[in-house]
PDB file of N, CA and C in Angstrom:
ATOM      1  N   MET A   1     -95.422-156.459 107.139  1.00  0.00           N
ATOM      2  CA  MET A   1     -96.523-157.944 106.603  1.00  0.00           C
ATOM      3  C   MET A   1     -96.068-158.107 105.687  1.00  0.00           C
ATOM      4  N   ALA A   2     -96.491-159.995 105.717  1.00  0.00           N
ATOM      5  CA  ALA A   2     -96.619-160.394 104.873  1.00  0.00           C
ATOM      6  C   ALA A   2     -98.477-160.964 104.332  1.00  0.00           C
ATOM      7  N   LYS A   3     -97.999-161.415 102.861  1.00  0.00           N
ATOM      8  CA  LYS A   3     -99.248-161.476 102.439  1.00  0.00           C
ATOM      9  C   LYS A   3     -99.513-162.930 101.775  1.00  0.00           C
ATOM     10  N   TYR A   4    -100.809-163.135 101.901  1.00  0.00           N
ATOM     11  CA  TYR A   4    -101.149-164.273 101.916  1.00  0.00           C
ATOM     12  C   TYR A   4    -102.746-164.385 101.420  1.00  0.00           C
ATOM     13  N   LEU A   5    -103.041-165.257 100.560  1.00  0.00           N
ATOM     14  CA  LEU A   5    -104.218-166.290  99.999  1.00  0.00           C
ATOM     15  C   LEU A   5    -104.822-167.348 100.821  1.00  0.00           C
ATOM     16  N   PHE A   6    -105.756-166.832 100.681  1.00  0.00           N
ATOM     17  CA  PHE A   6    -106.757-168.114 101.836  1.00  0.00           C
ATOM     18  C   PHE A   6    -107.622-168.757 100.599  1.00  0.00           C
ATOM     19  N   HIS A   7    -107.926-170.188 100.389  1.00  0.00           N
ATOM     20  CA  HIS A   7    -109.134-170.709  99.908  1.00  0.00           C
ATOM     21  C   HIS A   7    -110.038-171.548 100.733  1.00  0.00           C
ATOM     22  N   ALA A   8    -111.133-170.811 100.769  1.00  0.00           N
ATOM     23  CA  ALA A   8    -111.846-171.870 102.029  1.00  0.00           C
ATOM     24  C   ALA A   8    -113.218-172.379 101.131  1.00  0.00           C
ATOM     25  N   SER A   9    -113.696-173.839 102.121  1.00  0.00           N
ATOM     26  CA  SER A   9    -114.555-174.856 101.608  1.00  0.00           C
ATOM     27  C   SER A   9    -115.271-174.476 102.772  1.00  0.00           C
ATOM     28  N   TYR A  10    -116.866-174.727 102.220  1.00  0.00           N
ATOM     29  CA  TYR A  10    -117.798-174.342 103.474  1.00  0.00           C
ATOM     30  C   TYR A  10    -118.605-175.378 103.692  1.00  0.00           C
ATOM     31  N   THR A  11    -118.574-176.381 104.661  1.00  0.00           N
ATOM     32  CA  THR A  11    -118.882-177.579 104.880  1.00  0.00           C
ATOM     33  C   THR A  11    -120.496-177.631 104.892  1.00  0.00           C
ATOM     34  N   ALA A  12    -121.163-178.065 104.772  1.00  0.00           N
ATOM     35  CA  ALA A  12    -122.855-178.386 104.725  1.00  0.00           C
ATOM     36  C   ALA A  12    -123.414-177.184 106.100  1.00  0.00           C
ATOM     37  N   ASP A  13    -123.278-177.559 107.058  1.00  0.00           N
ATOM     38  CA  ASP A  13    -123.132-176.526 108.096  1.00  0.00           C
ATOM     39  C   ASP A  13    -122.676-174.638 107.863  1.00  0.00           C
ATOM     40  N   GLY A  14    -121.716-174.570 107.581  1.00  0.00           N
ATOM     41  CA  GLY A  14    -121.266-173.585 106.721  1.00  0.00           C
ATOM     42  C   GLY A  14    -122.012-173.029 105.803  1.00  0.00           C
ATOM     43  N   THR A  15    -122.077-173.238 104.946  1.00  0.00           N
ATOM     44  CA  THR A  15    -123.460-173.092 103.851  1.00  0.00           C
ATOM     45  C   THR A  15    -124.501-172.245 104.539  1.00  0.00           C
ATOM     46  N   LYS A  16    -125.379-173.499 105.147  1.00  0.00           N
ATOM     47  CA  LYS A  16    -126.485-173.217 105.765  1.00  0.00           C
ATOM     48  C   LYS A  16    -125.881-171.758 106.462  1.00  0.00           C
ATOM     49  N   GLY A  17    -125.424-171.060 107.348  1.00  0.00           N
ATOM     50  CA  GLY A  17    -124.406-170.053 108.455  1.00  0.00           C
ATOM     51  C   GLY A  17    -124.709-169.142 107.357  1.00  0.00           C
ATOM     52  N   LEU A  18    -123.991-169.711 105.673  1.00  0.00           N
ATOM     53  CA  LEU A  18    -123.736-168.204 104.498  1.00  0.00           C
ATOM     54  C   LEU A  18    -125.186-167.489 104.646  1.00  0.00           C
ATOM     55  N   ILE A  19    -125.874-168.545 104.193  1.00  0.00           N
ATOM     56  CA  ILE A  19    -127.392-168.568 103.419  1.00  0.00           C
ATOM     57  C   ILE A  19    -128.271-167.745 104.368  1.00  0.00           C
ATOM     58  N   HIS A  20    -128.059-167.984 105.637  1.00  0.00           N
ATOM     59  CA  HIS A  20    -128.726-167.415 106.497  1.00  0.00           C
ATOM     60  C   HIS A  20    -127.904-165.351 106.927  1.00  0.00           C
ATOM     61  N   ASP A  21    -126.853-165.488 106.632  1.00  0.00           N
ATOM     62  CA  ASP A  21    -126.391-164.527 107.241  1.00  0.00           C
ATOM     63  C   ASP A  21    -125.805-163.302 106.149  1.00  0.00           C
ATOM     64  N   GLY A  22    -125.496-164.443 105.146  1.00  0.00           N
ATOM     65  CA  GLY A  22    -125.398-163.033 103.659  1.00  0.00           C
ATOM     66  C   GLY A  22    -123.519-162.971 104.049  1.00  0.00           C
ATOM     67  N   GLY A  23    -123.378-162.378 102.391  1.00  0.00           N
ATOM     68  CA  GLY A  23    -122.105-162.635 102.551  1.00  0.00           C
ATOM     69  C   GLY A  23    -120.985-161.237 102.638  1.00  0.00           C
ATOM     70  N   SER A  24    -121.929-159.828 103.339  1.00  0.00           N
ATOM     71  CA  SER A  24    -121.472-159.171 103.858  1.00  0.00           C
ATOM     72  C   SER A  24    -121.402-159.056 105.335  1.00  0.00           C
ATOM     73  N   ALA A  25    -122.329-160.237 105.981  1.00  0.00           N
ATOM     74  CA  ALA A  25    -121.768-160.484 107.025  1.00  0.00           C
ATOM     75  C   ALA A  25    -119.798-161.749 107.303  1.00  0.00           C
ATOM     76  N   ARG A  26    -120.117-162.521 106.207  1.00  0.00           N
ATOM     77  CA  ARG A  26    -119.040-163.202 105.988  1.00  0.00           C
ATOM     78  C   ARG A  26    -117.900-161.796 106.235  1.00  0.00           C
ATOM     79  N   LYS A  27    -117.847-161.118 105.521  1.00  0.00           N
ATOM     80  CA  LYS A  27    -116.685-160.280 105.560  1.00  0.00           C
ATOM     81  C   LYS A  27    -116.471-159.404 106.144  1.00  0.00           C
ATOM     82  N   THR A  28    -117.820-159.315 106.890  1.00  0.00           N
ATOM     83  CA  THR A  28    -117.016-158.684 108.022  1.00  0.00           C
ATOM     84  C   THR A  28    -116.545-159.350 109.048  1.00  0.00           C
ATOM     85  N   ALA A  29    -116.786-160.185 109.065  1.00  0.00           N
ATOM     86  CA  ALA A  29    -116.826-161.888 110.190  1.00  0.00           C
ATOM     87  C   ALA A  29    -114.372-161.654 110.088  1.00  0.00           C
ATOM     88  N   VAL A  30    -114.149-161.799 108.701  1.00  0.00           N
ATOM     89  CA  VAL A  30    -112.711-161.785 108.202  1.00  0.00           C
ATOM     90  C   VAL A  30    -112.624-161.316 108.551  1.00  0.00           C
ATOM     91  N   GLU A  31    -113.080-159.774 108.114  1.00  0.00           N
ATOM     92  CA  GLU A  31    -112.591-158.796 108.450  1.00  0.00           C
ATOM     93  C   GLU A  31    -111.870-158.168 110.416  1.00  0.00           C
ATOM     94  N   LYS A  32    -112.832-159.029 110.829  1.00  0.00           N
ATOM     95  CA  LYS A  32    -112.692-159.351 112.441  1.00  0.00           C
ATOM     96  C   LYS A  32    -111.590-159.727 112.829  1.00  0.00           C
ATOM     97  N   LEU A  33    -111.173-160.714 112.423  1.00  0.00           N
ATOM     98  CA  LEU A  33    -110.604-161.948 112.594  1.00  0.00           C
ATOM     99  C   LEU A  33    -109.272-161.466 112.594  1.00  0.00           C
ATOM    100  N   VAL A  34    -109.224-161.063 110.580  1.00  0.00           N
ATOM    101  CA  VAL A  34    -107.658-160.790 110.873  1.00  0.00           C
ATOM    102  C   VAL A  34    -106.787-159.815 110.938  1.00  0.00           C
ATOM    103  N   SER A  35    -107.790-158.738 111.366  1.00  0.00           N
ATOM    104  CA  SER A  35    -107.586-157.472 112.171  1.00  0.00           C
ATOM    105  C   SER A  35    -107.391-157.664 113.809  1.00  0.00           C
ATOM    106  N   GLY A  36    -107.752-158.959 114.345  1.00  0.00           N
ATOM    107  CA  GLY A  36    -107.432-159.295 115.589  1.00  0.00           C
ATOM    108  C   GLY A  36    -106.168-160.096 115.982  1.00  0.00           C
ATOM    109  N   LEU A  37    -106.111-160.287 114.427  1.00  0.00           N
ATOM    110  CA  LEU A  37    -104.143-160.777 114.209  1.00  0.00           C
ATOM    111  C   LEU A  37    -103.317-159.725 114.298  1.00  0.00           C
ATOM    112  N   GLY A  38    -103.412-158.068 114.488  1.00  0.00           N
ATOM    113  CA  GLY A  38    -102.637-157.268 113.602  1.00  0.00           C
ATOM    114  C   GLY A  38    -103.202-157.657 112.204  1.00  0.00           C
ATOM    115  N   GLY A  39    -103.416-158.265 111.292  1.00  0.00           N
ATOM    116  CA  GLY A  39    -103.647-157.737 109.923  1.00  0.00           C
ATOM    117  C   GLY A  39    -105.052-156.457 108.832  1.00  0.00           C
ATOM    118  N   SER A  40    -104.410-157.176 107.380  1.00  0.00           N
ATOM    119  CA  SER A  40    -105.788-156.610 107.097  1.00  0.00           C
ATOM    120  C   SER A  40    -105.963-157.461 105.689  1.00  0.00           C
ATOM    121  N   LEU A  41    -107.249-157.369 105.143  1.00  0.00           N
ATOM    122  CA  LEU A  41    -107.896-157.665 104.114  1.00  0.00           C
ATOM    123  C   LEU A  41    -107.800-156.596 103.282  1.00  0.00           C
ATOM    124  N   GLU A  42    -106.927-157.468 102.233  1.00  0.00           N
ATOM    125  CA  GLU A  42    -107.409-156.948 101.369  1.00  0.00           C
ATOM    126  C   GLU A  42    -108.373-157.205 100.020  1.00  0.00           C
ATOM    127  N   ALA A  43    -109.319-158.305  99.504  1.00  0.00           N
ATOM    128  CA  ALA A  43    -109.982-158.088  99.023  1.00  0.00           C
ATOM    129  C   ALA A  43    -109.963-159.905  99.639  1.00  0.00           C
ATOM    130  N   MET A  44    -111.716-159.874  99.345  1.00  0.00           N
ATOM    131  CA  MET A  44    -112.302-161.200  99.447  1.00  0.00           C
ATOM    132  C   MET A  44    -112.901-161.666  98.163  1.00  0.00           C
ATOM    133  N   TYR A  45    -113.636-162.346  97.989  1.00  0.00           N
ATOM    134  CA  TYR A  45    -114.680-162.876  97.100  1.00  0.00           C
ATOM    135  C   TYR A  45    -114.619-164.418  96.518  1.00  0.00           C
ATOM    136  N   PHE A  46    -116.072-164.604  96.781  1.00  0.00           N
ATOM    137  CA  PHE A  46    -116.776-165.532  96.709  1.00  0.00           C
ATOM    138  C   PHE A  46    -116.778-166.079  95.244  1.00  0.00           C
ATOM    139  N   ALA A  47    -116.736-167.848  94.889  1.00  0.00           N
ATOM    140  CA  ALA A  47    -116.894-167.990  93.998  1.00  0.00           C
ATOM    141  C   ALA A  47    -117.047-169.220  93.752  1.00  0.00           C
ATOM    142  N   PHE A  48    -117.201-170.301  93.444  1.00  0.00           N
ATOM    143  CA  PHE A  48    -117.873-171.854  92.949  1.00  0.00           C
ATOM    144  C   PHE A  48    -117.345-172.782  91.979  1.00  0.00           C
ATOM    145  N   GLY A  49    -116.722-174.100  92.916  1.00  0.00           N
ATOM    146  CA  GLY A  49    -116.090-174.635  91.766  1.00  0.00           C
ATOM    147  C   GLY A  49    -114.901-174.993  93.135  1.00  0.00           C
ATOM    148  N   GLU A  50    -113.811-175.263  93.059  1.00  0.00           N
ATOM    149  CA  GLU A  50    -112.924-176.013  93.994  1.00  0.00           C
ATOM    150  C   GLU A  50    -113.537-175.148  95.552  1.00  0.00           C
ATOM    151  N   SER A  51    -112.977-174.033  94.423  1.00  0.00           N
ATOM    152  CA  SER A  51    -112.896-173.351  96.874  1.00  0.00           C
ATOM    153  C   SER A  51    -114.359-172.039  97.027  1.00  0.00           C
ATOM    154  N   ASP A  52    -115.001-172.145  98.009  1.00  0.00           N
ATOM    155  CA  ASP A  52    -116.010-170.842  97.798  1.00  0.00           C
ATOM    156  C   ASP A  52    -115.947-168.998  98.102  1.00  0.00           C
ATOM    157  N   VAL A  53    -114.384-169.224  99.041  1.00  0.00           N
ATOM    158  CA  VAL A  53    -113.679-168.138  99.046  1.00  0.00           C
ATOM    159  C   VAL A  53    -112.461-168.197  98.975  1.00  0.00           C
ATOM    160  N   TYR A  54    -111.999-167.296  98.345  1.00  0.00           N
ATOM    161  CA  TYR A  54    -111.052-166.287  97.979  1.00  0.00           C
ATOM    162  C   TYR A  54    -110.449-165.311  98.746  1.00  0.00           C
ATOM    163  N   ALA A  55    -109.927-165.198  99.994  1.00  0.00           N
ATOM    164  CA  ALA A  55    -109.687-163.956 100.475  1.00  0.00           C
ATOM    165  C   ALA A  55    -107.888-163.723 100.336  1.00  0.00           C
ATOM    166  N   ILE A  56    -107.174-162.544  99.920  1.00  0.00           N
ATOM    167  CA  ILE A  56    -106.345-161.877 100.376  1.00  0.00           C
ATOM    168  C   ILE A  56    -105.734-160.866 101.338  1.00  0.00           C
ATOM    169  N   VAL A  57    -104.842-161.226 102.538  1.00  0.00           N
ATOM    170  CA  VAL A  57    -104.489-160.515 103.597  1.00  0.00           C
ATOM    171  C   VAL A  57    -103.296-160.442 103.820  1.00  0.00           C
ATOM    172  N   ASP A  58    -103.048-159.563 104.500  1.00  0.00           N
ATOM    173  CA  ASP A  58    -101.800-158.969 105.118  1.00  0.00           C
ATOM    174  C   ASP A  58    -101.689-159.389 106.445  1.00  0.00           C
ATOM    175  N   LEU A  59    -100.685-160.433 107.276  1.00  0.00           N
ATOM    176  CA  LEU A  59    -100.808-160.367 108.753  1.00  0.00           C
ATOM    177  C   LEU A  59     -99.263-160.321 108.348  1.00  0.00           C
ATOM    178  N   PRO A  60     -98.956-160.348 110.067  1.00  0.00           N
ATOM    179  CA  PRO A  60     -97.609-160.472 110.537  1.00  0.00           C
ATOM    180  C   PRO A  60     -96.962-160.908 109.901  1.00  0.00           C
ATOM    181  N   ASP A  61     -96.947-162.289 110.373  1.00  0.00           N
ATOM    182  CA  ASP A  61     -95.830-163.041 110.558  1.00  0.00           C
ATOM    183  C   ASP A  61     -97.243-164.909 109.877  1.00  0.00           C
ATOM    184  N   ASN A  62     -95.949-165.552 109.547  1.00  0.00           N
ATOM    185  CA  ASN A  62     -97.095-167.031 109.010  1.00  0.00           C
ATOM    186  C   ASN A  62     -97.856-167.772 110.369  1.00  0.00           C
ATOM    187  N   GLU A  63     -96.975-167.214 111.447  1.00  0.00           N
ATOM    188  CA  GLU A  63     -98.046-167.520 113.198  1.00  0.00           C
ATOM    189  C   GLU A  63     -99.469-167.580 113.473  1.00  0.00           C
ATOM    190  N   SER A  64     -99.186-166.018 112.394  1.00  0.00           N
ATOM    191  CA  SER A  64    -100.353-165.320 112.384  1.00  0.00           C
ATOM    192  C   SER A  64    -100.902-166.183 111.762  1.00  0.00           C
ATOM    193  N   ALA A  65    -100.746-166.434 110.509  1.00  0.00           N
ATOM    194  CA  ALA A  65    -101.425-167.133 108.807  1.00  0.00           C
ATOM    195  C   ALA A  65    -102.191-168.567 109.447  1.00  0.00           C
ATOM    196  N   VAL A  66    -100.819-169.007 109.755  1.00  0.00           N
ATOM    197  CA  VAL A  66    -101.548-170.226 110.841  1.00  0.00           C
ATOM    198  C   VAL A  66    -102.991-170.409 111.658  1.00  0.00           C
ATOM    199  N   ALA A  67    -102.539-169.548 112.594  1.00  0.00           N
ATOM    200  CA  ALA A  67    -103.572-169.528 113.806  1.00  0.00           C
ATOM    201  C   ALA A  67    -105.245-168.593 113.042  1.00  0.00           C
ATOM    202  N   ALA A  68    -104.779-168.364 112.293  1.00  0.00           N
ATOM    203  CA  ALA A  68    -106.801-167.765 111.184  1.00  0.00           C
ATOM    204  C   ALA A  68    -107.178-169.427 110.251  1.00  0.00           C
ATOM    205  N   SER A  69    -105.817-170.327 109.846  1.00  0.00           N
ATOM    206  CA  SER A  69    -106.065-170.986 109.531  1.00  0.00           C
ATOM    207  C   SER A  69    -107.154-172.207 110.309  1.00  0.00           C
ATOM    208  N   MET A  70    -106.387-172.244 111.055  1.00  0.00           N
ATOM    209  CA  MET A  70    -106.380-173.317 112.330  1.00  0.00           C
ATOM    210  C   MET A  70    -108.080-172.902 113.213  1.00  0.00           C
ATOM    211  N   THR A  71    -108.555-171.837 113.615  1.00  0.00           N
ATOM    212  CA  THR A  71    -109.318-170.966 113.750  1.00  0.00           C
ATOM    213  C   THR A  71    -110.407-171.382 113.013  1.00  0.00           C
ATOM    214  N   VAL A  72    -110.150-170.917 111.943  1.00  0.00           N
ATOM    215  CA  VAL A  72    -110.992-171.540 110.537  1.00  0.00           C
ATOM    216  C   VAL A  72    -112.345-172.688 110.190  1.00  0.00           C
ATOM    217  N   CYS A  73    -110.720-173.678 110.385  1.00  0.00           N
ATOM    218  CA  CYS A  73    -110.463-175.141 109.989  1.00  0.00           C
ATOM    219  C   CYS A  73    -111.778-176.007 112.018  1.00  0.00           C
ATOM    220  N   ALA A  74    -110.825-175.242 112.633  1.00  0.00           N
ATOM    221  CA  ALA A  74    -111.238-176.309 114.141  1.00  0.00           C
ATOM    222  C   ALA A  74    -113.579-175.149 114.233  1.00  0.00           C
ATOM    223  N   SER A  75    -113.824-174.289 113.876  1.00  0.00           N
ATOM    224  CA  SER A  75    -115.328-174.164 113.829  1.00  0.00           C
ATOM    225  C   SER A  75    -115.876-175.300 112.890  1.00  0.00           C
ATOM    226  N   GLY A  76    -115.334-175.788 111.746  1.00  0.00           N
ATOM    227  CA  GLY A  76    -116.200-177.270 111.718  1.00  0.00           C
ATOM    228  C   GLY A  76    -117.354-176.781 110.661  1.00  0.00           C
ATOM    229  N   ALA A  77    -117.393-175.799 110.040  1.00  0.00           N
ATOM    230  CA  ALA A  77    -117.598-174.746 109.181  1.00  0.00           C
ATOM    231  C   ALA A  77    -117.095-174.609 107.757  1.00  0.00           C
ATOM    232  N   ALA A  78    -115.996-174.498 108.012  1.00  0.00           N
ATOM    233  CA  ALA A  78    -114.899-174.579 106.713  1.00  0.00           C
ATOM    234  C   ALA A  78    -113.604-175.371 106.479  1.00  0.00           C
ATOM    235  N   SER A  79    -113.761-175.198 105.377  1.00  0.00           N
ATOM    236  CA  SER A  79    -111.967-175.861 105.423  1.00  0.00           C
ATOM    237  C   SER A  79    -111.144-174.439 104.695  1.00  0.00           C
ATOM    238  N   ALA A  80    -109.606-174.555 105.126  1.00  0.00           N
ATOM    239  CA  ALA A  80    -108.784-173.523 103.692  1.00  0.00           C
ATOM    240  C   ALA A  80    -107.138-174.218 104.495  1.00  0.00           C
ATOM    241  N   ARG A  81    -107.058-173.271 102.719  1.00  0.00           N
ATOM    242  CA  ARG A  81    -105.797-173.572 102.599  1.00  0.00           C
ATOM    243  C   ARG A  81    -105.014-172.115 102.514  1.00  0.00           C
ATOM    244  N   THR A  82    -103.494-172.570 102.930  1.00  0.00           N
ATOM    245  CA  THR A  82    -102.936-170.972 102.547  1.00  0.00           C
ATOM    246  C   THR A  82    -102.168-170.623 102.086  1.00  0.00           C
ATOM    247  N   VAL A  83    -102.281-169.951 101.259  1.00  0.00           N
ATOM    248  CA  VAL A  83    -100.802-169.835 100.395  1.00  0.00           C
ATOM    249  C   VAL A  83     -99.945-168.667 100.555  1.00  0.00           C
ATOM    250  N   VAL A  84     -98.762-168.710 100.733  1.00  0.00           N
ATOM    251  CA  VAL A  84     -97.585-167.580 100.638  1.00  0.00           C
ATOM    252  C   VAL A  84     -97.837-166.603  99.242  1.00  0.00           C
ATOM    253  N   LEU A  85     -98.357-165.491  99.433  1.00  0.00           N
ATOM    254  CA  LEU A  85     -97.936-164.495  98.563  1.00  0.00           C
ATOM    255  C   LEU A  85     -96.886-164.044  98.500  1.00  0.00           C
ATOM    256  N   LEU A  86     -96.084-163.896  97.295  1.00  0.00           N
ATOM    257  CA  LEU A  86     -94.821-163.220  97.274  1.00  0.00           C
ATOM    258  C   LEU A  86     -94.665-161.609  96.194  1.00  0.00           C
ATOM    259  N   SER A  87     -93.560-160.439  96.530  1.00  0.00           N
ATOM    260  CA  SER A  87     -93.647-159.323  95.708  1.00  0.00           C
ATOM    261  C   SER A  87     -92.053-159.556  94.270  1.00  0.00           C
ATOM    262  N   PRO A  88     -92.544-159.253  93.370  1.00  0.00           N
ATOM    263  CA  PRO A  88     -91.764-159.043  92.799  1.00  0.00           C
ATOM    264  C   PRO A  88     -90.154-158.912  92.951  1.00  0.00           C
ATOM    265  N   GLU A  89     -90.627-157.705  93.802  1.00  0.00           N
ATOM    266  CA  GLU A  89     -88.944-157.421  95.264  1.00  0.00           C
ATOM    267  C   GLU A  89     -89.003-158.844  95.647  1.00  0.00           C
ATOM    268  N   GLN A  90     -89.944-159.164  95.923  1.00  0.00           N
ATOM    269  CA  GLN A  90     -88.872-160.457  97.529  1.00  0.00           C
ATOM    270  C   GLN A  90     -88.627-161.267  96.037  1.00  0.00           C
ATOM    271  N   ILE A  91     -88.601-161.611  95.578  1.00  0.00           N
ATOM    272  CA  ILE A  91     -88.585-162.417  93.832  1.00  0.00           C
ATOM    273  C   ILE A  91     -87.573-162.074  93.658  1.00  0.00           C
ATOM    274  N   ASP A  92     -87.149-160.716  93.018  1.00  0.00           N
ATOM    275  CA  ASP A  92     -85.432-160.355  92.853  1.00  0.00           C
ATOM    276  C   ASP A  92     -84.714-160.454  94.352  1.00  0.00           C
ATOM    277  N   ALA A  93     -85.009-160.368  94.835  1.00  0.00           N
ATOM    278  CA  ALA A  93     -84.075-160.765  96.302  1.00  0.00           C
ATOM    279  C   ALA A  93     -83.250-161.919  96.407  1.00  0.00           C
ATOM    280  N   ALA A  94     -84.431-162.895  96.126  1.00  0.00           N
ATOM    281  CA  ALA A  94     -84.276-164.446  96.681  1.00  0.00           C
ATOM    282  C   ALA A  94     -83.057-164.849  94.872  1.00  0.00           C
ATOM    283  N   ALA A  95     -83.275-164.391  93.862  1.00  0.00           N
ATOM    284  CA  ALA A  95     -82.562-164.809  92.644  1.00  0.00           C
ATOM    285  C   ALA A  95     -81.703-164.400  92.844  1.00  0.00           C
ATOM    286  N   GLN A  96     -80.572-163.123  94.097  1.00  0.00           N
ATOM    287  CA  GLN A  96     -79.709-162.402  93.955  1.00  0.00           C
ATOM    288  C   GLN A  96     -79.357-163.527  95.178  1.00  0.00           C
ATOM    289  N   GLN A  97     -79.442-164.360  95.560  1.00  0.00           N
ATOM    290  CA  GLN A  97     -78.696-165.487  96.626  1.00  0.00           C
ATOM    291  C   GLN A  97     -77.889-166.178  96.410  1.00  0.00           C
ATOM    292  N   SER A  98     -76.773-166.604  97.064  1.00  0.00           N
ATOM    293  CA  SER A  98     -75.893-167.723  96.244  1.00  0.00           C
ATOM    294  C   SER A  98     -76.058-169.020  97.530  1.00  0.00           C
ATOM    295  N   VAL A  99     -76.868-169.420  96.287  1.00  0.00           N
ATOM    296  CA  VAL A  99     -77.399-171.046  96.963  1.00  0.00           C
ATOM    297  C   VAL A  99     -75.843-172.023  96.171  1.00  0.00           C
ATOM    298  N   ASN A 100     -75.632-173.370  97.358  1.00  0.00           N
ATOM    299  CA  ASN A 100     -74.645-174.421  96.789  1.00  0.00           C
ATOM    300  C   ASN A 100     -75.323-175.274  96.874  1.00  0.00           C
ATOM    301  N   TYR A 101     -75.745-175.683  95.448  1.00  0.00           N
ATOM    302  CA  TYR A 101     -76.250-176.613  95.194  1.00  0.00           C
ATOM    303  C   TYR A 101     -76.212-177.750  94.558  1.00  0.00           C
ATOM    304  N   ARG A 102     -75.989-179.086  94.361  1.00  0.00           N
ATOM    305  CA  ARG A 102     -75.580-179.650  93.692  1.00  0.00           C
ATOM    306  C   ARG A 102     -76.988-180.596  92.985  1.00  0.00           C
ATOM    307  N   ARG A 103     -76.843-180.952  91.852  1.00  0.00           N
ATOM    308  CA  ARG A 103     -78.867-181.346  91.908  1.00  0.00           C
ATOM    309  C   ARG A 103     -78.119-183.103  91.203  1.00  0.00           C
ATOM    310  N   PRO A 104     -79.108-184.269  91.486  1.00  0.00           N
ATOM    311  CA  PRO A 104     -78.746-185.350  91.583  1.00  0.00           C
ATOM    312  C   PRO A 104     -78.130-185.882  90.315  1.00  0.00           C
ATOM    313  N   GLY A 105     -77.096-186.660  90.801  1.00  0.00           N
ATOM    314  CA  GLY A 105     -76.680-186.922  89.777  1.00  0.00           C
ATOM    315  C   GLY A 105     -75.383-186.194  89.289  1.00  0.00           C
ATOM    316  N   ALA A 106     -74.980-185.125  89.438  1.00  0.00           N
ATOM    317  CA  ALA A 106     -73.934-184.518  89.211  1.00  0.00           C
ATOM    318  C   ALA A 106     -72.861-185.290  89.759  1.00  0.00           C
TER     319      ALA A 106
END
């Protein structure tokens, strides 16, 4: 499974829905969305500032992450941004790969 961080920002209509249904109902909806894609919700937090919601999820692949993001955005109730999260072990593996590269001007 791959791990993703979703940032979501509610539209005015999305905020009205949140006020009506509450935060727990939104968490349940996110859990259902993610589990329907074969994943799981690790953590979900509401915030104020640039983003209204942060969710860390495990999903099978990038296509599942894009499907989740497109579904949320197409609802018109929120916009979403997705960040792929990498473990320390994945960074270790990347650092061990041999890469053929020449910097500009060299």
